[in-house]
């Protein structure tokens, strides 16, 4: 019968058992270190995520500021266009009135 049958005394299995215990111990130690390893990765991911959130919030604020600025400039442009139209109308009316005034005065002067 072989060593697996249990017929041999326990001291004959000692080197083999010792090796298995040592391997299992190393495996257990490695498994115990895995949470720390994963925790480190998780902390890096969280830090990166927080940086990305902060960058996104900053970009959102900048986008909103640019939108407000664009809206304000659009409103100013409309006001300028309205003032231009109004200015042209006033100038045309003044020119027409000047022509009417000149037309009435010319006959009086005998021309």
PDB file of N, CA and C in Angstrom:
ATOM      1  N   UNK A   1       0.837  -1.177   0.000  1.00  0.00           N
ATOM      2  CA  UNK A   1       0.000   0.000   0.000  1.00  0.00           C
ATOM      3  C   UNK A   1       0.879   1.236   0.000  1.00  0.00           C
ATOM      4  N   UNK A   2       0.341   2.285  -0.671  1.00  0.00           N
ATOM      5  CA  UNK A   2       1.107   3.511  -0.797  1.00  0.00           C
ATOM      6  C   UNK A   2       0.881   4.435   0.364  1.00  0.00           C
ATOM      7  N   UNK A   3       1.534   5.601   0.333  1.00  0.00           N
ATOM      8  CA  UNK A   3       1.389   6.562   1.421  1.00  0.00           C
ATOM      9  C   UNK A   3      -0.009   7.111   1.514  1.00  0.00           C
ATOM     10  N   UNK A   4      -0.791   7.071   0.443  1.00  0.00           N
ATOM     11  CA  UNK A   4      -2.135   7.623   0.484  1.00  0.00           C
ATOM     12  C   UNK A   4      -3.088   6.759   1.292  1.00  0.00           C
ATOM     13  N   UNK A   5      -2.760   5.506   1.450  1.00  0.00           N
ATOM     14  CA  UNK A   5      -3.678   4.585   2.116  1.00  0.00           C
ATOM     15  C   UNK A   5      -3.732   4.800   3.619  1.00  0.00           C
ATOM     16  N   UNK A   6      -2.762   5.470   4.145  1.00  0.00           N
ATOM     17  CA  UNK A   6      -2.775   5.739   5.576  1.00  0.00           C
ATOM     18  C   UNK A   6      -2.122   4.641   6.372  1.00  0.00           C
ATOM     19  N   UNK A   7      -1.528   3.629   5.728  1.00  0.00           N
ATOM     20  CA  UNK A   7      -0.902   2.530   6.454  1.00  0.00           C
ATOM     21  C   UNK A   7       0.468   2.910   6.992  1.00  0.00           C
ATOM     22  N   UNK A   8       1.071   3.932   6.440  1.00  0.00           N
ATOM     23  CA  UNK A   8       2.391   4.367   6.895  1.00  0.00           C
ATOM     24  C   UNK A   8       2.223   5.318   8.074  1.00  0.00           C
ATOM     25  N   UNK A   9       3.184   5.452   8.887  1.00  0.00           N
ATOM     26  CA  UNK A   9       3.095   6.371  10.012  1.00  0.00           C
ATOM     27  C   UNK A   9       3.067   7.825   9.522  1.00  0.00           C
ATOM     28  N   UNK A  10       2.482   8.760  10.253  1.00  0.00           N
ATOM     29  CA  UNK A  10       2.336  10.146   9.844  1.00  0.00           C
ATOM     30  C   UNK A  10       3.651  10.846   9.558  1.00  0.00           C
ATOM     31  N   UNK A  11       4.747  10.447  10.207  1.00  0.00           N
ATOM     32  CA  UNK A  11       6.004  11.147   9.995  1.00  0.00           C
ATOM     33  C   UNK A  11       6.545  10.935   8.592  1.00  0.00           C
ATOM     34  N   UNK A  12       6.112   9.926   7.856  1.00  0.00           N
ATOM     35  CA  UNK A  12       6.572   9.675   6.493  1.00  0.00           C
ATOM     36  C   UNK A  12       5.978  10.716   5.542  1.00  0.00           C
ATOM     37  N   UNK A  13       4.852  11.310   5.864  1.00  0.00           N
ATOM     38  CA  UNK A  13       4.191  12.306   5.003  1.00  0.00           C
ATOM     39  C   UNK A  13       4.649  13.730   5.315  1.00  0.00           C
ATOM     40  N   UNK A  14       5.456  13.921   6.266  1.00  0.00           N
ATOM     41  CA  UNK A  14       5.821  15.245   6.742  1.00  0.00           C
ATOM     42  C   UNK A  14       6.398  16.142   5.648  1.00  0.00           C
ATOM     43  N   UNK A  15       7.398  15.747   4.843  1.00  0.00           N
ATOM     44  CA  UNK A  15       7.918  16.662   3.822  1.00  0.00           C
ATOM     45  C   UNK A  15       6.843  17.049   2.811  1.00  0.00           C
ATOM     46  N   UNK A  16       6.047  16.096   2.419  1.00  0.00           N
ATOM     47  CA  UNK A  16       4.980  16.393   1.443  1.00  0.00           C
ATOM     48  C   UNK A  16       3.932  17.317   2.057  1.00  0.00           C
ATOM     49  N   UNK A  17       3.527  17.021   3.264  1.00  0.00           N
ATOM     50  CA  UNK A  17       2.536  17.841   3.966  1.00  0.00           C
ATOM     51  C   UNK A  17       3.115  19.223   4.225  1.00  0.00           C
ATOM     52  N   UNK A  18       4.388  19.265   4.626  1.00  0.00           N
ATOM     53  CA  UNK A  18       5.040  20.555   4.875  1.00  0.00           C
ATOM     54  C   UNK A  18       5.021  21.410   3.609  1.00  0.00           C
ATOM     55  N   UNK A  19       5.319  20.799   2.464  1.00  0.00           N
ATOM     56  CA  UNK A  19       5.311  21.526   1.189  1.00  0.00           C
ATOM     57  C   UNK A  19       3.903  22.025   0.869  1.00  0.00           C
ATOM     58  N   UNK A  20       2.906  21.174   1.097  1.00  0.00           N
ATOM     59  CA  UNK A  20       1.521  21.584   0.840  1.00  0.00           C
ATOM     60  C   UNK A  20       1.107  22.720   1.781  1.00  0.00           C
ATOM     61  N   UNK A  21       1.506  22.623   3.023  1.00  0.00           N
ATOM     62  CA  UNK A  21       1.178  23.666   3.992  1.00  0.00           C
ATOM     63  C   UNK A  21       1.856  24.971   3.591  1.00  0.00           C
ATOM     64  N   UNK A  22       3.100  24.869   3.179  1.00  0.00           N
ATOM     65  CA  UNK A  22       3.834  26.058   2.753  1.00  0.00           C
ATOM     66  C   UNK A  22       3.168  26.693   1.528  1.00  0.00           C
ATOM     67  N   UNK A  23       2.775  25.897   0.557  1.00  0.00           N
ATOM     68  CA  UNK A  23       2.097  26.408  -0.643  1.00  0.00           C
ATOM     69  C   UNK A  23       0.757  27.045  -0.278  1.00  0.00           C
ATOM     70  N   UNK A  24       0.024  26.382   0.586  1.00  0.00           N
ATOM     71  CA  UNK A  24      -1.272  26.930   1.018  1.00  0.00           C
ATOM     72  C   UNK A  24      -1.076  28.227   1.805  1.00  0.00           C
ATOM     73  N   UNK A  25      -0.038  28.289   2.585  1.00  0.00           N
ATOM     74  CA  UNK A  25       0.261  29.497   3.350  1.00  0.00           C
ATOM     75  C   UNK A  25       0.578  30.655   2.408  1.00  0.00           C
ATOM     76  N   UNK A  26       1.389  30.367   1.397  1.00  0.00           N
ATOM     77  CA  UNK A  26       1.720  31.398   0.404  1.00  0.00           C
ATOM     78  C   UNK A  26       0.470  31.835  -0.360  1.00  0.00           C
ATOM     79  N   UNK A  27      -0.357  30.873  -0.692  1.00  0.00           N
ATOM     80  CA  UNK A  27      -1.609  31.185  -1.399  1.00  0.00           C
ATOM     81  C   UNK A  27      -2.523  32.049  -0.533  1.00  0.00           C
ATOM     82  N   UNK A  28      -2.608  31.707   0.751  1.00  0.00           N
ATOM     83  CA  UNK A  28      -3.442  32.488   1.676  1.00  0.00           C
ATOM     84  C   UNK A  28      -2.887  33.901   1.823  1.00  0.00           C
ATOM     85  N   UNK A  29      -1.576  34.016   1.912  1.00  0.00           N
ATOM     86  CA  UNK A  29      -0.963  35.338   2.029  1.00  0.00           C
ATOM     87  C   UNK A  29      -1.239  36.162   0.772  1.00  0.00           C
ATOM     88  N   UNK A  30      -1.142  35.523  -0.379  1.00  0.00           N
ATOM     89  CA  UNK A  30      -1.428  36.214  -1.640  1.00  0.00           C
ATOM     90  C   UNK A  30      -2.886  36.669  -1.696  1.00  0.00           C
ATOM     91  N   UNK A  31      -3.780  35.803  -1.252  1.00  0.00           N
ATOM     92  CA  UNK A  31      -5.201  36.160  -1.234  1.00  0.00           C
ATOM     93  C   UNK A  31      -5.476  37.292  -0.249  1.00  0.00           C
ATOM     94  N   UNK A  32      -4.751  37.312   0.857  1.00  0.00           N
ATOM     95  CA  UNK A  32      -4.924  38.384   1.829  1.00  0.00           C
ATOM     96  C   UNK A  32      -4.439  39.710   1.264  1.00  0.00           C
ATOM     97  N   UNK A  33      -3.457  39.688   0.392  1.00  0.00           N
ATOM     98  CA  UNK A  33      -2.926  40.911  -0.196  1.00  0.00           C
ATOM     99  C   UNK A  33      -3.805  41.415  -1.340  1.00  0.00           C
ATOM    100  N   UNK A  34      -4.602  40.549  -1.916  1.00  0.00           N
ATOM    101  CA  UNK A  34      -5.444  40.952  -3.039  1.00  0.00           C
ATOM    102  C   UNK A  34      -6.408  42.085  -2.691  1.00  0.00           C
ATOM    103  N   UNK A  35      -7.094  42.050  -1.551  1.00  0.00           N
ATOM    104  CA  UNK A  35      -7.976  43.176  -1.232  1.00  0.00           C
ATOM    105  C   UNK A  35      -7.225  44.503  -1.195  1.00  0.00           C
ATOM    106  N   UNK A  36      -6.014  44.489  -0.622  1.00  0.00           N
ATOM    107  CA  UNK A  36      -5.222  45.721  -0.601  1.00  0.00           C
ATOM    108  C   UNK A  36      -4.876  46.163  -2.015  1.00  0.00           C
ATOM    109  N   UNK A  37      -4.534  45.211  -2.855  1.00  0.00           N
ATOM    110  CA  UNK A  37      -4.214  45.512  -4.252  1.00  0.00           C
ATOM    111  C   UNK A  37      -5.442  46.101  -4.956  1.00  0.00           C
ATOM    112  N   UNK A  38      -6.589  45.447  -4.780  1.00  0.00           N
ATOM    113  CA  UNK A  38      -7.814  45.940  -5.410  1.00  0.00           C
ATOM    114  C   UNK A  38      -8.247  47.274  -4.817  1.00  0.00           C
ATOM    115  N   UNK A  39      -8.029  47.432  -3.513  1.00  0.00           N
ATOM    116  CA  UNK A  39      -8.370  48.694  -2.862  1.00  0.00           C
ATOM    117  C   UNK A  39      -7.533  49.831  -3.439  1.00  0.00           C
ATOM    118  N   UNK A  40      -6.258  49.566  -3.679  1.00  0.00           N
ATOM    119  CA  UNK A  40      -5.392  50.578  -4.294  1.00  0.00           C
ATOM    120  C   UNK A  40      -5.891  50.981  -5.673  1.00  0.00           C
ATOM    121  N   UNK A  41      -6.271  49.992  -6.469  1.00  0.00           N
ATOM    122  CA  UNK A  41      -6.823  50.287  -7.804  1.00  0.00           C
ATOM    123  C   UNK A  41      -8.124  51.067  -7.693  1.00  0.00           C
ATOM    124  N   UNK A  42      -8.953  50.642  -6.768  1.00  0.00           N
ATOM    125  CA  UNK A  42     -10.236  51.317  -6.581  1.00  0.00           C
ATOM    126  C   UNK A  42     -10.026  52.770  -6.161  1.00  0.00           C
ATOM    127  N   UNK A  43      -9.069  53.008  -5.277  1.00  0.00           N
ATOM    128  CA  UNK A  43      -8.785  54.386  -4.847  1.00  0.00           C
ATOM    129  C   UNK A  43      -8.275  55.222  -6.015  1.00  0.00           C
ATOM    130  N   UNK A  44      -7.466  54.622  -6.885  1.00  0.00           N
ATOM    131  CA  UNK A  44      -6.993  55.343  -8.076  1.00  0.00           C
ATOM    132  C   UNK A  44      -8.165  55.676  -8.996  1.00  0.00           C
ATOM    133  N   UNK A  45      -9.056  54.710  -9.185  1.00  0.00           N
ATOM    134  CA  UNK A  45     -10.225  54.947 -10.038  1.00  0.00           C
ATOM    135  C   UNK A  45     -11.106  56.057  -9.467  1.00  0.00           C
ATOM    136  N   UNK A  46     -11.285  56.041  -8.153  1.00  0.00           N
ATOM    137  CA  UNK A  46     -12.115  57.069  -7.510  1.00  0.00           C
ATOM    138  C   UNK A  46     -11.470  58.441  -7.682  1.00  0.00           C
ATOM    139  N   UNK A  47     -10.156  58.519  -7.483  1.00  0.00           N
ATOM    140  CA  UNK A  47      -9.463  59.801  -7.635  1.00  0.00           C
ATOM    141  C   UNK A  47      -9.573  60.301  -9.074  1.00  0.00           C
ATOM    142  N   UNK A  48      -9.390  59.403 -10.028  1.00  0.00           N
ATOM    143  CA  UNK A  48      -9.519  59.778 -11.442  1.00  0.00           C
ATOM    144  C   UNK A  48     -10.935  60.222 -11.751  1.00  0.00           C
ATOM    145  N   UNK A  49     -11.904  59.505 -11.218  1.00  0.00           N
ATOM    146  CA  UNK A  49     -13.315  59.855 -11.438  1.00  0.00           C
ATOM    147  C   UNK A  49     -13.610  61.233 -10.861  1.00  0.00           C
ATOM    148  N   UNK A  50     -13.104  61.512  -9.669  1.00  0.00           N
ATOM    149  CA  UNK A  50     -13.342  62.809  -9.047  1.00  0.00           C
ATOM    150  C   UNK A  50     -12.705  63.935  -9.870  1.00  0.00           C
ATOM    151  N   UNK A  51     -11.525  63.676 -10.422  1.00  0.00           N
ATOM    152  CA  UNK A  51     -10.884  64.671 -11.281  1.00  0.00           C
ATOM    153  C   UNK A  51     -11.717  64.913 -12.534  1.00  0.00           C
ATOM    154  N   UNK A  52     -12.243  63.837 -13.098  1.00  0.00           N
ATOM    155  CA  UNK A  52     -13.066  63.979 -14.302  1.00  0.00           C
ATOM    156  C   UNK A  52     -14.364  64.714 -13.998  1.00  0.00           C
ATOM    157  N   UNK A  53     -14.950  64.460 -12.857  1.00  0.00           N
ATOM    158  CA  UNK A  53     -16.172  65.172 -12.462  1.00  0.00           C
ATOM    159  C   UNK A  53     -15.877  66.662 -12.302  1.00  0.00           C
ATOM    160  N   UNK A  54     -14.761  66.981 -11.658  1.00  0.00           N
ATOM    161  CA  UNK A  54     -14.391  68.390 -11.466  1.00  0.00           C
ATOM    162  C   UNK A  54     -14.145  69.060 -12.822  1.00  0.00           C
ATOM    163  N   UNK A  55     -13.453  68.360 -13.726  1.00  0.00           N
ATOM    164  CA  UNK A  55     -13.197  68.919 -15.057  1.00  0.00           C
ATOM    165  C   UNK A  55     -14.508  69.108 -15.819  1.00  0.00           C
ATOM    166  N   UNK A  56     -15.419  68.148 -15.694  1.00  0.00           N
ATOM    167  CA  UNK A  56     -16.719  68.251 -16.365  1.00  0.00           C
ATOM    168  C   UNK A  56     -17.509  69.444 -15.816  1.00  0.00           C
ATOM    169  N   UNK A  57     -17.494  69.615 -14.499  1.00  0.00           N
ATOM    170  CA  UNK A  57     -18.212  70.740 -13.898  1.00  0.00           C
ATOM    171  C   UNK A  57     -17.619  72.062 -14.359  1.00  0.00           C
ATOM    172  N   UNK A  58     -16.298  72.129 -14.447  1.00  0.00           N
ATOM    173  CA  UNK A  58     -15.655  73.358 -14.917  1.00  0.00           C
ATOM    174  C   UNK A  58     -16.041  73.635 -16.374  1.00  0.00           C
ATOM    175  N   UNK A  59     -16.027  72.590 -17.199  1.00  0.00           N
ATOM    176  CA  UNK A  59     -16.415  72.772 -18.601  1.00  0.00           C
ATOM    177  C   UNK A  59     -17.878  73.193 -18.717  1.00  0.00           C
ATOM    178  N   UNK A  60     -18.719  72.638 -17.875  1.00  0.00           N
ATOM    179  CA  UNK A  60     -20.133  73.010 -17.883  1.00  0.00           C
ATOM    180  C   UNK A  60     -20.300  74.482 -17.520  1.00  0.00           C
ATOM    181  N   UNK A  61     -19.570  74.936 -16.506  1.00  0.00           N
ATOM    182  CA  UNK A  61     -19.637  76.349 -16.106  1.00  0.00           C
ATOM    183  C   UNK A  61     -19.132  77.248 -17.235  1.00  0.00           C
ATOM    184  N   UNK A  62     -18.033  76.842 -17.870  1.00  0.00           N
ATOM    185  CA  UNK A  62     -17.502  77.633 -18.981  1.00  0.00           C
ATOM    186  C   UNK A  62     -18.485  77.664 -20.149  1.00  0.00           C
ATOM    187  N   UNK A  63     -19.126  76.545 -20.415  1.00  0.00           N
ATOM    188  CA  UNK A  63     -20.107  76.475 -21.497  1.00  0.00           C
ATOM    189  C   UNK A  63     -21.279  77.413 -21.208  1.00  0.00           C
ATOM    190  N   UNK A  64     -21.761  77.401 -19.968  1.00  0.00           N
ATOM    191  CA  UNK A  64     -22.869  78.278 -19.596  1.00  0.00           C
ATOM    192  C   UNK A  64     -22.468  79.747 -19.709  1.00  0.00           C
ATOM    193  N   UNK A  65     -21.238  80.063 -19.302  1.00  0.00           N
ATOM    194  CA  UNK A  65     -20.758  81.449 -19.399  1.00  0.00           C
ATOM    195  C   UNK A  65     -20.666  81.871 -20.866  1.00  0.00           C
ATOM    196  N   UNK A  66     -20.156  80.983 -21.708  1.00  0.00           N
ATOM    197  CA  UNK A  66     -20.068  81.289 -23.144  1.00  0.00           C
ATOM    198  C   UNK A  66     -21.464  81.452 -23.757  1.00  0.00           C
ATOM    199  N   UNK A  67     -22.396  80.632 -23.315  1.00  0.00           N
ATOM    200  CA  UNK A  67     -23.768  80.742 -23.827  1.00  0.00           C
ATOM    201  C   UNK A  67     -24.367  82.093 -23.441  1.00  0.00           C
ATOM    202  N   UNK A  68     -24.182  82.484 -22.173  1.00  0.00           N
ATOM    203  CA  UNK A  68     -24.697  83.785 -21.725  1.00  0.00           C
ATOM    204  C   UNK A  68     -24.042  84.924 -22.502  1.00  0.00           C
ATOM    205  N   UNK A  69     -22.743  84.817 -22.713  1.00  0.00           N
ATOM    206  CA  UNK A  69     -22.026  85.849 -23.469  1.00  0.00           C
ATOM    207  C   UNK A  69     -22.534  85.910 -24.912  1.00  0.00           C
ATOM    208  N   UNK A  70     -22.739  84.762 -25.513  1.00  0.00           N
ATOM    209  CA  UNK A  70     -23.259  84.712 -26.884  1.00  0.00           C
ATOM    210  C   UNK A  70     -24.666  85.312 -26.947  1.00  0.00           C
ATOM    211  N   UNK A  71     -25.502  84.983 -25.989  1.00  0.00           N
ATOM    212  CA  UNK A  71     -26.859  85.531 -25.931  1.00  0.00           C
ATOM    213  C   UNK A  71     -26.815  87.046 -25.780  1.00  0.00           C
ATOM    214  N   UNK A  72     -25.945  87.534 -24.902  1.00  0.00           N
ATOM    215  CA  UNK A  72     -25.808  88.980 -24.692  1.00  0.00           C
ATOM    216  C   UNK A  72     -25.332  89.664 -25.972  1.00  0.00           C
ATOM    217  N   UNK A  73     -24.360  89.067 -26.655  1.00  0.00           N
ATOM    218  CA  UNK A  73     -23.861  89.656 -27.892  1.00  0.00           C
ATOM    219  C   UNK A  73     -24.929  89.653 -28.985  1.00  0.00           C
ATOM    220  N   UNK A  74     -25.740  88.598 -29.020  1.00  0.00           N
ATOM    221  CA  UNK A  74     -26.838  88.530 -29.983  1.00  0.00           C
ATOM    222  C   UNK A  74     -27.848  89.644 -29.714  1.00  0.00           C
ATOM    223  N   UNK A  75     -28.154  89.854 -28.433  1.00  0.00           N
ATOM    224  CA  UNK A  75     -29.085  90.927 -28.075  1.00  0.00           C
ATOM    225  C   UNK A  75     -28.506  92.295 -28.438  1.00  0.00           C
ATOM    226  N   UNK A  76     -27.219  92.493 -28.181  1.00  0.00           N
ATOM    227  CA  UNK A  76     -26.587  93.763 -28.544  1.00  0.00           C
ATOM    228  C   UNK A  76     -26.589  93.961 -30.052  1.00  0.00           C
ATOM    229  N   UNK A  77     -26.351  92.890 -30.787  1.00  0.00           N
ATOM    230  CA  UNK A  77     -26.365  92.986 -32.250  1.00  0.00           C
ATOM    231  C   UNK A  77     -27.763  93.370 -32.751  1.00  0.00           C
ATOM    232  N   UNK A  78     -28.786  92.797 -32.176  1.00  0.00           N
ATOM    233  CA  UNK A  78     -30.160  93.153 -32.560  1.00  0.00           C
ATOM    234  C   UNK A  78     -30.438  94.617 -32.248  1.00  0.00           C
ATOM    235  N   UNK A  79     -29.966  95.060 -31.070  1.00  0.00           N
ATOM    236  CA  UNK A  79     -30.164  96.473 -30.721  1.00  0.00           C
ATOM    237  C   UNK A  79     -29.451  97.389 -31.714  1.00  0.00           C
ATOM    238  N   UNK A  80     -28.227  97.020 -32.079  1.00  0.00           N
ATOM    239  CA  UNK A  80     -27.494  97.827 -33.056  1.00  0.00           C
ATOM    240  C   UNK A  80     -28.205  97.858 -34.405  1.00  0.00           C
ATOM    241  N   UNK A  81     -28.732  96.716 -34.819  1.00  0.00           N
ATOM    242  CA  UNK A  81     -29.458  96.660 -36.084  1.00  0.00           C
ATOM    243  C   UNK A  81     -30.718  97.526 -36.021  1.00  0.00           C
ATOM    244  N   UNK A  82     -31.421  97.476 -34.891  1.00  0.00           N
ATOM    245  CA  UNK A  82     -32.611  98.307 -34.735  1.00  0.00           C
ATOM    246  C   UNK A  82     -32.237  99.786 -34.733  1.00  0.00           C
ATOM    247  N   UNK A  83     -31.135 100.113 -34.053  1.00  0.00           N
ATOM    248  CA  UNK A  83     -30.685 101.505 -34.042  1.00  0.00           C
ATOM    249  C   UNK A  83     -30.276 101.955 -35.447  1.00  0.00           C
ATOM    250  N   UNK A  84     -29.675 101.055 -36.199  1.00  0.00           N
ATOM    251  CA  UNK A  84     -29.275 101.388 -37.569  1.00  0.00           C
ATOM    252  C   UNK A  84     -30.507 101.659 -38.433  1.00  0.00           C
ATOM    253  N   UNK A  85     -31.506 100.784 -38.306  1.00  0.00           N
ATOM    254  CA  UNK A  85     -32.747 100.979 -39.067  1.00  0.00           C
ATOM    255  C   UNK A  85     -33.410 102.286 -38.648  1.00  0.00           C
ATOM    256  N   UNK A  86     -33.475 102.523 -37.347  1.00  0.00           N
ATOM    257  CA  UNK A  86     -34.081 103.751 -36.838  1.00  0.00           C
ATOM    258  C   UNK A  86     -33.287 104.962 -37.315  1.00  0.00           C
ATOM    259  N   UNK A  87     -31.955 104.891 -37.252  1.00  0.00           N
ATOM    260  CA  UNK A  87     -31.102 105.993 -37.697  1.00  0.00           C
ATOM    261  C   UNK A  87     -31.296 106.289 -39.182  1.00  0.00           C
ATOM    262  N   UNK A  88     -31.422 105.245 -40.000  1.00  0.00           N
ATOM    263  CA  UNK A  88     -31.659 105.436 -41.434  1.00  0.00           C
ATOM    264  C   UNK A  88     -33.013 106.093 -41.670  1.00  0.00           C
ATOM    265  N   UNK A  89     -34.020 105.648 -40.917  1.00  0.00           N
ATOM    266  CA  UNK A  89     -35.353 106.226 -41.077  1.00  0.00           C
ATOM    267  C   UNK A  89     -35.343 107.699 -40.680  1.00  0.00           C
ATOM    268  N   UNK A  90     -34.682 108.014 -39.584  1.00  0.00           N
ATOM    269  CA  UNK A  90     -34.590 109.407 -39.133  1.00  0.00           C
ATOM    270  C   UNK A  90     -33.837 110.233 -40.170  1.00  0.00           C
ATOM    271  N   UNK A  91     -32.748 109.693 -40.697  1.00  0.00           N
ATOM    272  CA  UNK A  91     -31.963 110.413 -41.698  1.00  0.00           C
ATOM    273  C   UNK A  91     -32.785 110.645 -42.971  1.00  0.00           C
ATOM    274  N   UNK A  92     -33.542 109.638 -43.389  1.00  0.00           N
ATOM    275  CA  UNK A  92     -34.378 109.788 -44.582  1.00  0.00           C
ATOM    276  C   UNK A  92     -35.455 110.844 -44.359  1.00  0.00           C
ATOM    277  N   UNK A  93     -36.056 110.816 -43.156  1.00  0.00           N
ATOM    278  CA  UNK A  93     -37.089 111.810 -42.860  1.00  0.00           C
ATOM    279  C   UNK A  93     -36.480 113.207 -42.825  1.00  0.00           C
ATOM    280  N   UNK A  94     -35.289 113.323 -42.236  1.00  0.00           N
ATOM    281  CA  UNK A  94     -34.626 114.633 -42.172  1.00  0.00           C
ATOM    282  C   UNK A  94     -34.263 115.110 -43.579  1.00  0.00           C
ATOM    283  N   UNK A  95     -33.792 114.199 -44.411  1.00  0.00           N
ATOM    284  CA  UNK A  95     -33.428 114.553 -45.792  1.00  0.00           C
ATOM    285  C   UNK A  95     -34.669 114.990 -46.572  1.00  0.00           C
ATOM    286  N   UNK A  96     -35.756 114.246 -46.372  1.00  0.00           N
ATOM    287  CA  UNK A  96     -37.015 114.578 -47.060  1.00  0.00           C
ATOM    288  C   UNK A  96     -37.528 115.930 -46.589  1.00  0.00           C
ATOM    289  N   UNK A  97     -37.468 116.171 -45.305  1.00  0.00           N
ATOM    290  CA  UNK A  97     -37.928 117.440 -44.758  1.00  0.00           C
ATOM    291  C   UNK A  97     -37.055 118.578 -45.275  1.00  0.00           C
ATOM    292  N   UNK A  98     -35.749 118.336 -45.360  1.00  0.00           N
ATOM    293  CA  UNK A  98     -34.825 119.343 -45.877  1.00  0.00           C
ATOM    294  C   UNK A  98     -35.161 119.652 -47.337  1.00  0.00           C
ATOM    295  N   UNK A  99     -35.433 118.615 -48.096  1.00  0.00           N
ATOM    296  CA  UNK A  99     -35.788 118.825 -49.510  1.00  0.00           C
ATOM    297  C   UNK A  99     -37.097 119.596 -49.634  1.00  0.00           C
ATOM    298  N   UNK A 100     -38.072 119.260 -48.760  1.00  0.00           N
ATOM    299  CA  UNK A 100     -39.345 119.988 -48.788  1.00  0.00           C
ATOM    300  C   UNK A 100     -39.137 121.446 -48.397  1.00  0.00           C
ATOM    301  N   UNK A 101     -38.325 121.663 -47.390  1.00  0.00           N
ATOM    302  CA  UNK A 101     -38.045 123.025 -46.938  1.00  0.00           C
ATOM    303  C   UNK A 101     -37.328 123.807 -48.030  1.00  0.00           C
ATOM    304  N   UNK A 102     -36.355 123.200 -48.634  1.00  0.00           N
ATOM    305  CA  UNK A 102     -35.619 123.865 -49.707  1.00  0.00           C
ATOM    306  C   UNK A 102     -36.534 124.119 -50.906  1.00  0.00           C
ATOM    307  N   UNK A 103     -37.432 123.183 -51.164  1.00  0.00           N
ATOM    308  CA  UNK A 103     -38.363 123.347 -52.291  1.00  0.00           C
ATOM    309  C   UNK A 103     -39.322 124.495 -52.073  1.00  0.00           C
ATOM    310  N   UNK A 104     -39.713 124.769 -50.854  1.00  0.00           N
ATOM    311  CA  UNK A 104     -40.609 125.879 -50.545  1.00  0.00           C
ATOM    312  C   UNK A 104     -39.862 127.201 -50.548  1.00  0.00           C
ATOM    313  N   UNK A 105     -38.619 127.182 -50.154  1.00  0.00           N
ATOM    314  CA  UNK A 105     -37.868 128.436 -50.076  1.00  0.00           C
ATOM    315  C   UNK A 105     -37.358 128.873 -51.433  1.00  0.00           C
ATOM    316  N   UNK A 106     -37.102 127.966 -52.325  1.00  0.00           N
ATOM    317  CA  UNK A 106     -36.567 128.326 -53.631  1.00  0.00           C
ATOM    318  C   UNK A 106     -37.500 129.265 -54.411  1.00  0.00           C
ATOM    319  N   UNK A 107     -38.816 129.012 -54.457  1.00  0.00           N
ATOM    320  CA  UNK A 107     -39.689 129.930 -55.190  1.00  0.00           C
ATOM    321  C   UNK A 107     -39.724 131.316 -54.566  1.00  0.00           C
ATOM    322  N   UNK A 108     -39.591 131.466 -53.288  1.00  0.00           N
ATOM    323  CA  UNK A 108     -39.619 132.759 -52.639  1.00  0.00           C
ATOM    324  C   UNK A 108     -38.414 133.600 -53.006  1.00  0.00           C
ATOM    325  N   UNK A 109     -37.299 132.908 -53.252  1.00  0.00           N
ATOM    326  CA  UNK A 109     -36.096 133.647 -53.550  1.00  0.00           C
ATOM    327  C   UNK A 109     -36.091 134.062 -55.017  1.00  0.00           C
ATOM    328  N   UNK A 110     -37.051 133.630 -55.746  1.00  0.00           N
ATOM    329  CA  UNK A 110     -37.140 134.030 -57.124  1.00  0.00           C
ATOM    330  C   UNK A 110     -36.302 133.203 -58.050  1.00  0.00           C
ATOM    331  N   UNK A 111     -35.951 132.060 -57.670  1.00  0.00           N
ATOM    332  CA  UNK A 111     -35.154 131.205 -58.548  1.00  0.00           C
ATOM    333  C   UNK A 111     -35.997 130.362 -59.413  1.00  0.00           C
TER     334      UNK A 111
END
